[in-house]
N, C-alpha and C. Protein backbone atom coordinates (compact mmCIF):
# COMPACT_ATOMS: atom_id res chain seq x y z
N MET A 1 0.78 -1.09 0.27
CA MET A 1 0.19 0.11 -0.40
C MET A 1 1.05 1.17 0.19
N SER A 2 0.55 2.36 -0.72
CA SER A 2 1.66 3.15 -0.78
C SER A 2 1.46 4.58 -0.02
N SER A 3 2.33 4.88 0.50
CA SER A 3 2.39 5.68 2.02
C SER A 3 2.26 7.13 1.77
N THR A 4 2.18 7.38 -0.07
CA THR A 4 1.71 8.85 -0.46
C THR A 4 0.42 9.29 0.10
N THR A 5 0.78 10.82 0.04
CA THR A 5 -0.90 11.21 1.16
C THR A 5 -1.48 12.18 -0.48
N PRO A 6 -2.01 12.52 -0.44
CA PRO A 6 -3.05 13.37 -1.19
C PRO A 6 -2.26 14.97 -1.48
N HIS A 7 -1.94 14.93 -0.47
CA HIS A 7 -1.28 16.89 -0.19
C HIS A 7 -0.02 16.40 -1.11
N SER A 8 1.15 15.53 -0.84
CA SER A 8 2.11 15.54 -1.32
C SER A 8 1.90 14.96 -2.96
N GLY A 9 0.95 14.59 -2.99
CA GLY A 9 0.68 14.37 -4.65
C GLY A 9 0.29 15.87 -5.28
N GLN A 10 -0.17 16.69 -4.00
CA GLN A 10 -0.58 18.51 -5.49
C GLN A 10 0.28 18.90 -4.85
N ALA A 11 1.49 18.92 -4.31
CA ALA A 11 2.69 19.66 -4.13
C ALA A 11 3.67 19.42 -5.21
N ALA A 12 3.45 17.84 -5.69
CA ALA A 12 4.94 17.49 -6.86
C ALA A 12 3.85 18.49 -8.03
N ALA A 13 2.60 18.47 -8.27
CA ALA A 13 2.24 18.91 -9.58
C ALA A 13 2.62 20.15 -8.98
N THR A 14 2.18 20.49 -7.76
CA THR A 14 2.58 22.38 -8.27
C THR A 14 3.86 23.26 -8.70
N LYS A 15 4.38 21.52 -8.00
CA LYS A 15 6.53 22.33 -8.14
C LYS A 15 6.77 22.08 -9.79
N LEU A 16 6.36 20.91 -10.44
CA LEU A 16 5.91 20.98 -11.58
C LEU A 16 5.54 22.21 -12.34
N HIS A 17 4.46 22.52 -12.30
CA HIS A 17 4.27 24.05 -13.05
C HIS A 17 5.36 25.11 -12.61
N VAL A 18 5.38 25.22 -11.33
CA VAL A 18 6.65 26.09 -11.62
C VAL A 18 7.91 26.55 -11.86
N TYR A 19 8.17 25.16 -12.91
CA TYR A 19 8.70 24.97 -13.43
C TYR A 19 8.72 25.37 -14.92
N LYS A 20 7.48 25.72 -15.38
CA LYS A 20 7.55 25.24 -17.35
C LYS A 20 7.60 27.17 -17.20
N GLU A 21 8.23 27.11 -18.50
CA GLU A 21 8.63 28.54 -18.89
C GLU A 21 7.94 29.06 -19.70
N TRP A 22 8.46 30.31 -19.83
CA TRP A 22 7.48 31.26 -20.13
C TRP A 22 6.55 31.11 -21.63
N TRP A 23 7.79 30.55 -22.59
CA TRP A 23 7.24 30.91 -23.84
C TRP A 23 5.96 29.80 -23.72
N GLU A 24 6.52 28.50 -22.81
CA GLU A 24 5.31 27.15 -22.71
C GLU A 24 3.55 27.73 -22.52
N LYS A 25 3.96 28.36 -21.89
CA LYS A 25 2.76 29.13 -22.00
C LYS A 25 1.61 29.79 -22.57
N PRO A 26 0.78 29.90 -22.95
CA PRO A 26 -0.21 30.64 -23.91
C PRO A 26 -0.01 31.63 -23.98
N PHE A 27 0.47 32.38 -22.85
CA PHE A 27 0.72 33.44 -23.43
C PHE A 27 2.02 34.15 -23.57
N GLY A 28 2.62 33.44 -23.58
CA GLY A 28 3.58 33.13 -24.30
C GLY A 28 3.78 32.93 -25.98
N VAL A 29 2.84 31.77 -25.91
CA VAL A 29 2.92 31.53 -27.64
C VAL A 29 2.39 33.25 -28.68
N VAL A 30 1.00 33.89 -27.54
CA VAL A 30 0.65 34.41 -28.36
C VAL A 30 2.08 35.53 -28.26
N LEU A 31 2.88 35.71 -27.80
CA LEU A 31 3.72 37.02 -27.60
C LEU A 31 4.83 36.79 -28.95
N ILE A 32 5.02 35.12 -29.38
CA ILE A 32 6.06 34.71 -29.90
C ILE A 32 4.77 35.34 -31.44
N GLY A 33 4.08 34.84 -31.25
CA GLY A 33 3.64 34.95 -32.92
C GLY A 33 3.40 36.56 -33.52
N ILE A 34 2.90 36.99 -32.40
CA ILE A 34 2.87 39.02 -32.50
C ILE A 34 4.53 39.18 -33.21
N PHE A 35 5.28 39.49 -32.41
CA PHE A 35 6.48 39.36 -32.49
C PHE A 35 7.10 38.90 -34.15
N ILE A 36 7.14 37.34 -33.94
CA ILE A 36 7.16 37.22 -35.82
C ILE A 36 6.59 37.76 -36.57
N THR A 37 4.91 37.80 -36.53
CA THR A 37 4.62 39.04 -37.65
C THR A 37 4.85 40.25 -37.85
N VAL A 38 5.25 41.46 -36.64
CA VAL A 38 5.78 42.56 -36.88
C VAL A 38 7.29 42.31 -37.61
N VAL A 39 8.35 41.56 -36.98
CA VAL A 39 9.42 41.53 -37.79
C VAL A 39 9.04 41.23 -39.15
N GLY A 40 7.76 40.36 -39.51
CA GLY A 40 7.92 39.81 -41.09
C GLY A 40 7.34 40.56 -41.47
N GLY A 41 6.70 41.49 -41.41
CA GLY A 41 5.61 42.63 -41.97
C GLY A 41 7.14 43.96 -41.65
N LEU A 42 8.06 43.92 -41.36
CA LEU A 42 9.11 45.17 -41.36
C LEU A 42 9.54 44.58 -42.32
N ILE A 43 10.22 43.36 -42.52
CA ILE A 43 11.24 42.75 -43.63
C ILE A 43 10.80 43.01 -44.74
N VAL A 44 9.11 42.64 -44.82
CA VAL A 44 8.41 42.66 -46.51
C VAL A 44 9.02 44.42 -46.16
N TRP A 45 8.17 45.79 -45.05
CA TRP A 45 7.79 46.40 -45.94
C TRP A 45 9.36 47.34 -46.89
N LEU A 46 10.37 47.04 -45.95
CA LEU A 46 11.98 46.99 -46.03
C LEU A 46 12.38 47.05 -47.72
N VAL A 47 12.02 45.48 -48.09
CA VAL A 47 12.49 44.95 -49.44
C VAL A 47 11.50 45.92 -50.39
N GLY A 48 10.11 46.21 -50.13
CA GLY A 48 9.41 46.81 -51.05
C GLY A 48 10.12 47.89 -51.65
N GLU A 49 10.43 48.89 -50.20
CA GLU A 49 10.52 50.49 -50.79
C GLU A 49 12.20 50.49 -50.91
N TYR A 50 13.18 49.90 -50.86
CA TYR A 50 14.04 49.66 -51.56
C TYR A 50 13.96 48.96 -53.29
N TYR A 51 12.81 48.41 -53.81
CA TYR A 51 12.70 48.05 -54.94
C TYR A 51 11.92 48.97 -55.82
N SER A 52 11.30 49.96 -54.45
CA SER A 52 10.11 50.83 -55.85
C SER A 52 11.36 52.51 -55.59
N GLN A 53 12.63 51.90 -55.53
CA GLN A 53 13.52 53.44 -55.05
C GLN A 53 14.25 53.00 -56.63
N GLN A 54 14.19 51.91 -57.20
CA GLN A 54 15.27 51.51 -57.82
C GLN A 54 15.11 52.44 -59.36
N PRO A 55 16.05 53.20 -59.78
CA PRO A 55 15.62 53.69 -61.69
C PRO A 55 15.21 53.14 -61.98
N THR A 56 14.17 53.42 -63.58
CA THR A 56 13.92 52.52 -64.50
C THR A 56 14.88 53.03 -65.47
N VAL A 57 14.76 52.25 -66.22
CA VAL A 57 15.42 52.22 -67.59
C VAL A 57 14.38 51.92 -69.01
N THR A 58 14.20 52.56 -69.82
CA THR A 58 13.77 52.30 -70.71
C THR A 58 14.91 52.23 -72.03
N PRO A 59 14.57 51.02 -72.50
CA PRO A 59 15.50 50.57 -73.89
C PRO A 59 15.43 51.36 -74.76
N VAL A 60 16.37 51.90 -75.95
CA VAL A 60 16.46 52.56 -77.11
C VAL A 60 16.55 51.47 -78.20
N VAL A 61 15.45 51.54 -78.79
CA VAL A 61 16.17 51.23 -79.81
C VAL A 61 16.46 51.70 -80.89
N ILE A 62 17.28 50.79 -82.14
CA ILE A 62 17.63 51.51 -83.31
C ILE A 62 16.60 51.47 -84.45
N ASN A 63 16.71 52.54 -85.17
CA ASN A 63 15.20 51.64 -85.97
C ASN A 63 16.29 51.12 -87.21
N PRO A 64 16.00 50.40 -87.80
CA PRO A 64 17.60 49.47 -88.80
C PRO A 64 16.66 50.16 -90.19
N SER A 65 15.49 50.93 -90.50
CA SER A 65 15.49 51.29 -90.67
C SER A 65 15.86 53.09 -91.67
N THR A 66 16.25 53.49 -90.39
CA THR A 66 16.65 54.84 -90.60
C THR A 66 18.13 55.29 -89.76
N PRO A 67 18.95 55.00 -90.88
CA PRO A 67 20.34 55.03 -90.07
C PRO A 67 20.29 56.13 -89.33
N GLY A 68 20.73 55.88 -87.72
CA GLY A 68 21.40 56.69 -87.04
C GLY A 68 19.54 56.90 -86.37
N LYS A 69 18.81 56.93 -86.22
CA LYS A 69 17.67 56.84 -86.05
C LYS A 69 17.04 55.91 -84.40
N THR A 70 16.87 56.91 -83.86
CA THR A 70 16.72 56.08 -82.39
C THR A 70 14.92 56.60 -81.88
N THR A 71 14.60 55.38 -81.44
CA THR A 71 13.25 55.58 -80.21
C THR A 71 13.40 54.89 -79.59
N ASN A 72 12.06 55.71 -78.25
CA ASN A 72 12.37 54.74 -77.07
C ASN A 72 10.78 53.94 -77.27
N THR A 73 10.97 52.40 -77.74
CA THR A 73 9.79 51.53 -77.45
C THR A 73 9.49 50.80 -76.34
N GLY A 74 11.17 51.31 -75.68
CA GLY A 74 11.07 50.03 -74.50
C GLY A 74 10.92 48.29 -74.91
N LYS A 75 11.28 48.29 -75.99
CA LYS A 75 11.74 47.14 -76.70
C LYS A 75 12.55 46.35 -76.27
N LEU A 76 13.33 45.47 -77.10
CA LEU A 76 14.74 44.71 -76.82
C LEU A 76 15.40 45.50 -77.96
N HIS A 77 16.09 45.81 -77.38
CA HIS A 77 17.68 46.89 -79.03
C HIS A 77 17.56 45.76 -80.04
N VAL A 78 17.96 47.03 -81.49
CA VAL A 78 17.86 45.92 -82.73
C VAL A 78 18.93 47.22 -83.36
N ARG A 79 19.96 46.13 -83.73
CA ARG A 79 20.97 46.21 -84.03
C ARG A 79 20.91 46.82 -85.74
N ASN A 80 21.01 47.62 -86.18
CA ASN A 80 21.36 48.09 -87.79
C ASN A 80 22.86 47.63 -88.48
N ASN A 81 22.60 46.84 -89.23
CA ASN A 81 23.19 46.48 -89.59
C ASN A 81 23.42 46.78 -90.96
N SER A 82 23.16 47.84 -91.63
CA SER A 82 23.00 48.64 -92.94
C SER A 82 24.28 48.89 -92.83
N PRO A 83 25.66 48.99 -93.86
CA PRO A 83 26.47 49.92 -93.92
C PRO A 83 26.89 51.48 -93.74
N PRO A 84 27.47 52.02 -93.08
CA PRO A 84 27.47 53.57 -93.04
C PRO A 84 27.84 54.33 -94.28
N ALA A 85 27.29 55.67 -94.67
CA ALA A 85 27.64 55.65 -96.28
C ALA A 85 29.16 56.55 -95.63
N ARG A 86 29.10 57.07 -96.86
CA ARG A 86 30.78 57.21 -96.52
C ARG A 86 31.33 57.48 -97.67
N ASP A 87 32.09 59.21 -97.52
CA ASP A 87 32.36 59.43 -99.19
C ASP A 87 33.51 59.43 -100.14
N ARG A 88 34.02 59.88 -101.27
CA ARG A 88 34.90 58.88 -101.65
C ARG A 88 36.36 58.42 -101.31
N GLY A 89 36.75 59.68 -100.06
CA GLY A 89 37.96 59.19 -99.08
C GLY A 89 38.09 58.01 -98.12
N GLY A 90 36.51 57.65 -98.25
CA GLY A 90 36.31 56.38 -97.75
C GLY A 90 35.58 57.07 -96.00
N ALA A 91 35.47 58.26 -95.85
CA ALA A 91 35.39 58.25 -94.73
C ALA A 91 33.47 58.28 -94.47
N VAL A 92 33.10 57.56 -93.09
CA VAL A 92 32.08 57.74 -93.24
C VAL A 92 31.42 59.14 -93.15
N THR A 93 30.40 59.77 -93.74
CA THR A 93 29.28 60.55 -93.72
C THR A 93 28.54 60.62 -92.60
N LEU A 94 28.22 61.52 -92.21
CA LEU A 94 26.84 61.96 -90.91
C LEU A 94 25.84 62.45 -91.54
N PRO A 95 24.58 62.39 -91.50
CA PRO A 95 24.01 62.78 -92.18
C PRO A 95 23.88 64.58 -91.39
N LYS A 96 23.33 65.60 -92.40
CA LYS A 96 22.93 67.17 -91.74
C LYS A 96 21.83 66.46 -90.97
N ILE A 97 21.75 67.65 -89.83
CA ILE A 97 20.96 68.28 -88.72
C ILE A 97 19.98 69.46 -89.08
N VAL A 98 19.20 69.46 -90.03
CA VAL A 98 18.18 70.42 -90.86
C VAL A 98 16.93 70.91 -89.82
N PRO A 99 17.47 72.34 -89.34
CA PRO A 99 16.42 72.50 -87.88
C PRO A 99 15.36 73.39 -88.91
N PRO A 100 14.08 72.74 -88.41
CA PRO A 100 13.07 73.10 -88.59
C PRO A 100 12.28 74.48 -88.85
N SER A 101 12.04 74.94 -90.01
CA SER A 101 11.56 76.26 -90.09
C SER A 101 10.66 76.52 -89.06
N SER A 102 10.41 78.25 -88.58
CA SER A 102 9.80 78.63 -87.87
C SER A 102 9.74 79.97 -88.54
N PRO A 103 8.02 80.33 -87.92
CA PRO A 103 7.33 81.42 -89.29
C PRO A 103 7.88 83.12 -88.62
N ASP A 104 8.83 82.34 -87.03
CA ASP A 104 8.98 83.49 -86.77
C ASP A 104 10.52 84.63 -87.28
N ASP A 105 11.13 83.67 -87.58
CA ASP A 105 12.48 83.81 -88.24
C ASP A 105 12.20 83.49 -89.94
N LEU A 106 12.44 84.45 -90.75
CA LEU A 106 11.78 84.32 -91.92
C LEU A 106 13.64 84.58 -92.95
N SER A 107 14.59 84.11 -92.03
CA SER A 107 15.54 84.07 -92.20
C SER A 107 15.86 83.07 -93.59
N GLY A 108 16.58 83.06 -94.71
CA GLY A 108 16.90 82.49 -95.63
C GLY A 108 16.94 82.48 -97.05
N VAL A 109 17.05 81.26 -98.03
CA VAL A 109 17.04 81.47 -99.00
C VAL A 109 15.50 81.22 -99.87
N TRP A 110 15.01 81.19 -100.16
CA TRP A 110 14.16 81.88 -100.78
C TRP A 110 13.45 81.78 -102.73
N SER A 111 12.32 80.91 -102.99
CA SER A 111 11.94 80.89 -104.41
C SER A 111 11.03 81.31 -104.52
N VAL A 112 11.47 82.53 -105.45
CA VAL A 112 10.11 83.52 -105.30
C VAL A 112 9.82 83.38 -106.69
N THR A 113 8.28 82.56 -107.15
CA THR A 113 7.22 83.20 -108.42
C THR A 113 6.13 84.04 -108.59
N TYR A 114 6.27 84.53 -109.49
CA TYR A 114 5.55 85.87 -109.44
C TYR A 114 4.36 85.37 -110.50
N GLY A 115 3.50 86.09 -110.56
CA GLY A 115 2.17 86.08 -110.97
C GLY A 115 1.89 85.43 -112.39
N GLY A 116 1.31 84.89 -113.25
CA GLY A 116 1.85 85.01 -114.69
C GLY A 116 3.29 83.61 -114.38
N GLY A 117 3.24 82.91 -114.01
CA GLY A 117 4.45 81.79 -114.12
C GLY A 117 5.87 82.51 -114.60
N ASN A 118 5.93 83.97 -113.69
CA ASN A 118 6.78 84.53 -114.11
C ASN A 118 8.46 83.87 -113.26
N GLY A 119 9.65 83.84 -113.25
CA GLY A 119 10.53 83.36 -112.28
C GLY A 119 10.51 81.98 -111.98
N PRO A 120 11.59 81.03 -111.02
CA PRO A 120 11.40 81.89 -110.06
C PRO A 120 13.00 81.95 -110.25
N LEU A 121 13.05 83.59 -109.10
CA LEU A 121 14.14 84.11 -108.94
C LEU A 121 14.39 83.65 -107.21
N ASP A 122 16.10 83.15 -106.53
CA ASP A 122 16.02 83.70 -105.84
C ASP A 122 16.60 84.36 -104.48
N VAL A 123 15.64 84.74 -103.54
CA VAL A 123 16.42 85.46 -103.40
C VAL A 123 16.38 85.06 -101.08
N VAL A 124 17.47 85.92 -100.81
CA VAL A 124 18.08 84.98 -99.34
C VAL A 124 17.38 86.61 -98.78
N ILE A 125 16.61 86.56 -97.76
CA ILE A 125 16.24 87.33 -96.51
C ILE A 125 17.06 87.25 -95.19
N ARG A 126 17.82 88.22 -95.30
CA ARG A 126 18.13 88.43 -93.68
C ARG A 126 17.16 89.32 -92.59
N GLN A 127 16.75 88.61 -91.36
CA GLN A 127 16.37 89.34 -90.58
C GLN A 127 16.90 89.61 -89.18
N THR A 128 16.45 91.03 -88.72
CA THR A 128 17.53 90.93 -87.64
C THR A 128 15.92 91.73 -86.55
N GLY A 129 16.50 91.34 -85.65
CA GLY A 129 15.29 91.48 -84.80
C GLY A 129 13.29 91.16 -85.75
N ASN A 130 13.21 92.39 -86.05
CA ASN A 130 11.78 92.24 -86.61
C ASN A 130 11.95 92.98 -88.20
N ARG A 131 12.77 93.49 -88.37
CA ARG A 131 13.35 93.83 -89.89
C ARG A 131 14.36 93.00 -90.83
N ILE A 132 13.32 93.00 -91.65
CA ILE A 132 13.85 92.00 -92.74
C ILE A 132 14.04 93.15 -93.66
N VAL A 133 15.08 92.41 -94.70
CA VAL A 133 15.44 92.85 -96.28
C VAL A 133 15.84 91.46 -96.98
N GLY A 134 15.72 91.72 -97.99
CA GLY A 134 15.36 90.49 -98.80
C GLY A 134 16.60 91.15 -100.27
N THR A 135 17.06 90.09 -100.75
CA THR A 135 18.53 90.96 -101.53
C THR A 135 18.14 89.70 -103.10
N LEU A 136 18.60 90.21 -103.86
CA LEU A 136 18.53 88.75 -104.63
C LEU A 136 19.38 88.22 -105.31
N VAL A 137 19.39 86.73 -105.44
CA VAL A 137 20.86 85.96 -106.00
C VAL A 137 20.76 85.85 -107.30
N THR A 138 19.25 85.56 -107.78
CA THR A 138 19.53 85.69 -109.01
C THR A 138 18.87 86.28 -109.15
N GLY A 139 18.87 87.05 -110.63
CA GLY A 139 18.57 88.15 -111.37
C GLY A 139 17.73 87.44 -112.57
N ASN A 140 16.84 88.97 -113.59
CA ASN A 140 16.36 88.70 -114.77
C ASN A 140 16.85 89.88 -115.91
N ASP A 141 15.77 89.91 -116.76
CA ASP A 141 16.11 91.38 -117.16
C ASP A 141 14.98 92.08 -116.52
N TYR A 142 14.76 92.47 -115.68
CA TYR A 142 14.10 93.73 -115.03
C TYR A 142 15.12 93.20 -113.67
N PHE A 143 15.02 92.84 -113.13
CA PHE A 143 15.80 92.67 -111.96
C PHE A 143 17.45 91.77 -111.77
N PRO A 144 18.41 92.82 -111.59
CA PRO A 144 19.47 92.06 -111.15
C PRO A 144 20.07 91.52 -110.29
N ALA A 145 21.29 90.36 -110.38
CA ALA A 145 21.46 89.74 -109.15
C ALA A 145 22.39 90.93 -108.05
N LYS A 146 21.76 90.68 -106.93
CA LYS A 146 22.52 91.30 -105.68
C LYS A 146 21.68 92.80 -105.06
N GLU A 147 20.62 93.09 -105.94
CA GLU A 147 19.54 93.91 -105.23
C GLU A 147 18.76 94.09 -104.53
N VAL A 148 18.56 94.57 -103.84
CA VAL A 148 17.98 94.63 -102.66
C VAL A 148 16.33 94.53 -103.25
N ALA A 149 15.32 93.73 -103.25
CA ALA A 149 13.77 93.33 -103.38
C ALA A 149 13.12 94.02 -102.16
N ILE A 150 13.47 93.25 -101.82
CA ILE A 150 12.32 93.76 -100.26
C ILE A 150 12.53 94.63 -99.19
N HIS A 151 11.87 95.11 -98.07
CA HIS A 151 12.34 95.38 -96.92
C HIS A 151 10.91 96.25 -96.36
N GLY A 152 10.85 95.80 -95.22
CA GLY A 152 10.06 95.58 -94.06
C GLY A 152 10.48 95.36 -92.97
N THR A 153 9.22 95.30 -91.94
CA THR A 153 9.48 95.52 -90.42
C THR A 153 8.03 93.81 -90.06
N TYR A 154 8.47 92.71 -89.47
CA TYR A 154 7.67 91.89 -89.60
C TYR A 154 7.34 91.70 -88.38
N ASP A 155 6.30 92.52 -87.61
CA ASP A 155 5.44 92.58 -86.94
C ASP A 155 4.41 92.16 -86.62
N SER A 156 4.05 91.53 -87.65
CA SER A 156 2.45 90.93 -87.19
C SER A 156 2.01 90.49 -88.73
N ASN A 157 0.83 89.36 -88.65
CA ASN A 157 0.62 88.73 -89.82
C ASN A 157 -0.49 88.79 -90.25
N PRO A 158 -0.65 89.61 -91.78
CA PRO A 158 -0.17 89.64 -92.44
C PRO A 158 0.54 90.96 -91.94
N PHE A 159 2.28 91.66 -92.81
CA PHE A 159 2.93 92.25 -92.62
C PHE A 159 2.72 93.44 -93.46
N GLN A 160 3.17 94.44 -93.09
CA GLN A 160 4.14 95.53 -94.66
C GLN A 160 5.32 95.63 -94.48
N ALA A 161 5.45 95.75 -95.92
CA ALA A 161 6.57 95.76 -96.46
C ALA A 161 6.64 96.86 -97.67
N GLN A 162 7.88 96.56 -98.52
CA GLN A 162 8.24 97.26 -99.56
C GLN A 162 8.82 96.70 -100.76
N GLN A 163 8.12 96.75 -102.20
CA GLN A 163 8.64 95.78 -103.03
C GLN A 163 9.26 97.12 -104.33
N VAL A 164 10.58 96.11 -104.67
CA VAL A 164 10.86 97.32 -105.96
C VAL A 164 10.61 96.78 -106.77
N CYS A 165 10.42 98.32 -107.91
CA CYS A 165 9.18 97.77 -109.27
C CYS A 165 9.79 98.29 -110.00
N ALA A 166 10.68 97.56 -111.44
CA ALA A 166 10.87 98.57 -112.42
C ALA A 166 10.59 98.45 -113.87
N SER A 167 11.24 98.78 -114.61
CA SER A 167 11.16 98.61 -116.09
C SER A 167 12.35 97.48 -116.41
N LEU A 168 12.03 97.56 -117.97
CA LEU A 168 13.10 96.44 -118.36
C LEU A 168 14.68 97.23 -117.91
N HIS A 169 15.60 95.94 -118.02
CA HIS A 169 17.00 96.51 -117.60
C HIS A 169 16.58 97.35 -116.22
N PHE A 170 16.06 97.23 -115.31
CA PHE A 170 16.02 97.79 -113.93
C PHE A 170 16.33 99.42 -114.04
N THR A 171 15.37 99.79 -115.21
CA THR A 171 14.72 101.68 -115.51
C THR A 171 13.75 101.91 -115.00
N HIS A 172 13.78 103.22 -114.05
CA HIS A 172 13.09 103.23 -113.62
C HIS A 172 12.15 102.82 -112.51
N PRO A 173 13.30 102.76 -111.23
CA PRO A 173 13.21 102.08 -110.03
C PRO A 173 12.37 102.84 -109.22
N TYR A 174 11.45 102.36 -108.17
CA TYR A 174 10.78 102.50 -107.27
C TYR A 174 10.31 101.54 -106.35
N TRP A 175 9.86 101.84 -105.55
CA TRP A 175 9.18 101.02 -104.08
C TRP A 175 7.88 101.13 -104.01
N ALA A 176 7.31 99.68 -104.27
CA ALA A 176 5.38 99.84 -104.11
C ALA A 176 5.33 99.35 -102.57
N ASP A 177 4.65 99.63 -102.44
CA ASP A 177 3.90 99.11 -100.97
C ASP A 177 2.95 98.14 -100.92
N VAL A 178 3.71 96.93 -100.35
CA VAL A 178 3.34 95.29 -100.60
C VAL A 178 2.61 94.99 -99.10
N GLN A 179 2.04 93.70 -99.06
CA GLN A 179 1.71 92.96 -98.15
C GLN A 179 2.37 91.50 -98.18
N PHE A 180 2.50 91.13 -97.17
CA PHE A 180 2.81 89.70 -97.08
C PHE A 180 2.09 89.04 -96.13
N ASP A 181 1.75 88.00 -96.29
CA ASP A 181 0.74 87.03 -95.51
C ASP A 181 1.82 85.52 -94.95
N ILE A 182 1.61 85.21 -93.83
CA ILE A 182 2.67 84.00 -93.42
C ILE A 182 2.29 82.60 -93.38
N ILE A 183 2.14 81.74 -95.11
CA ILE A 183 0.93 81.21 -94.33
C ILE A 183 1.01 79.65 -93.75
N ASP A 184 2.75 79.09 -93.79
CA ASP A 184 4.06 78.50 -92.32
C ASP A 184 5.00 79.29 -92.42
N GLY A 185 5.95 78.14 -91.85
CA GLY A 185 6.95 78.20 -91.62
C GLY A 185 7.90 78.56 -92.88
N ASP A 186 6.79 78.02 -94.16
CA ASP A 186 8.15 77.42 -95.58
C ASP A 186 7.53 78.26 -96.61
N HIS A 187 6.41 79.17 -96.40
CA HIS A 187 5.68 79.37 -97.63
C HIS A 187 4.89 80.99 -97.39
N MET A 188 4.84 81.95 -97.99
CA MET A 188 4.27 83.07 -97.60
C MET A 188 3.39 83.98 -99.09
N THR A 189 2.83 84.87 -99.34
CA THR A 189 2.37 85.80 -100.32
C THR A 189 2.25 86.58 -100.23
N GLU A 190 2.84 87.63 -101.43
CA GLU A 190 3.15 88.86 -101.28
C GLU A 190 1.78 89.34 -102.53
N SER A 191 1.05 90.24 -101.69
CA SER A 191 0.64 91.52 -102.65
C SER A 191 0.83 92.26 -102.55
N GLU A 192 -0.24 93.25 -104.06
CA GLU A 192 0.03 94.94 -103.95
C GLU A 192 -0.69 95.32 -103.72
N HIS A 193 -0.87 96.66 -103.01
CA HIS A 193 -1.52 97.45 -102.28
C HIS A 193 -2.44 98.45 -103.39
N ASN A 194 -1.92 99.33 -104.46
CA ASN A 194 -2.23 100.18 -105.65
C ASN A 194 -1.81 99.53 -106.75
N GLY A 195 -1.66 98.70 -106.75
CA GLY A 195 -1.84 98.24 -108.49
C GLY A 195 -0.62 98.61 -109.38
N ARG A 196 0.09 99.26 -108.86
CA ARG A 196 1.09 99.56 -110.17
C ARG A 196 2.14 99.12 -110.61
N CYS A 197 2.88 97.90 -109.72
CA CYS A 197 3.58 96.67 -110.14
C CYS A 197 2.82 95.60 -110.61
N SER A 198 3.01 95.23 -111.83
CA SER A 198 2.58 93.69 -111.69
C SER A 198 3.16 92.52 -112.07
N GLY A 199 2.48 91.66 -111.85
CA GLY A 199 3.20 90.35 -111.42
C GLY A 199 2.73 89.76 -110.43
N PHE A 200 2.13 90.55 -109.78
CA PHE A 200 1.15 89.92 -108.31
C PHE A 200 0.25 89.40 -108.30
N PRO A 201 -0.43 87.74 -107.85
CA PRO A 201 0.48 88.03 -106.66
C PRO A 201 1.71 87.15 -106.42
N ILE A 202 2.34 87.09 -105.82
CA ILE A 202 4.53 86.55 -105.66
C ILE A 202 3.71 85.66 -104.83
N PHE A 203 4.15 84.14 -104.94
CA PHE A 203 4.36 83.29 -104.13
C PHE A 203 5.78 82.94 -104.03
N TRP A 204 6.05 82.54 -102.28
CA TRP A 204 7.51 82.61 -101.79
C TRP A 204 7.43 81.31 -100.98
N ARG A 205 8.49 80.32 -101.39
CA ARG A 205 8.49 79.05 -100.68
C ARG A 205 10.22 79.51 -100.16
N ARG A 206 10.28 79.06 -98.93
CA ARG A 206 11.62 78.47 -98.31
C ARG A 206 12.34 77.70 -98.78
N LEU A 207 14.06 77.67 -99.81
CA LEU A 207 14.41 76.29 -99.62
C LEU A 207 15.36 76.62 -98.94
N ARG A 208 15.72 77.19 -97.53
CA ARG A 208 16.63 76.55 -96.92
C ARG A 208 17.34 77.29 -95.83
N ASN A 209 16.93 77.41 -94.41
CA ASN A 209 17.62 78.70 -93.37
C ASN A 209 18.33 78.93 -93.90
N SER A 210 19.66 78.86 -94.06
CA SER A 210 20.95 79.06 -94.30
C SER A 210 20.74 79.72 -95.59
N GLU A 211 22.16 80.59 -95.67
CA GLU A 211 22.24 81.49 -96.46
C GLU A 211 23.44 81.26 -97.74
N PRO A 212 23.38 81.41 -99.13
CA PRO A 212 24.43 80.36 -99.77
C PRO A 212 25.48 80.04 -99.59
N ASP A 213 26.15 79.50 -100.00
CA ASP A 213 28.23 79.45 -99.59
C ASP A 213 27.96 80.47 -100.19
């Protein structure tokens, strides 16, 4: 017959309960779960912040049909296998970059065709501020080359100017009041006010933005 009393059994159970670690208790398990959740969430947030701050790179695609032309399409690089243009000495020639014509600056070489199909004559316009002067590059039986053909103030559209008029072989020259209407950066028309000059309307077409060599 056992000599253990009921009181001694309860004491042993109480003694075992005292030595149970805190993480083995329900409250400890809950704390550990909260800690793991917080730490895991912090790690995920830090990783997301790191990748969100990385710069995005858009690949540049070389257009195989146009040498030297590139477009940002976001696709893979396409290499242009066409051989570069070369001059007679074998040196690579680069394409000229032509600036777009601006209706605010009329400087350049213009082809001038008179009413009735006369012409064309080439005129170089030099614009300084809003002042313009047009000088003939090519002449005819009425106007010799290097003669000033027009001058005026380009301060509106249309704007007023003066056009030289003359008889055959540039005899009896005089200035006639005219009006220019700008159509776009490369086209304009010229009309006269009083009808003293013939050959109107005159049509102007820009050939290039720079003066002749």
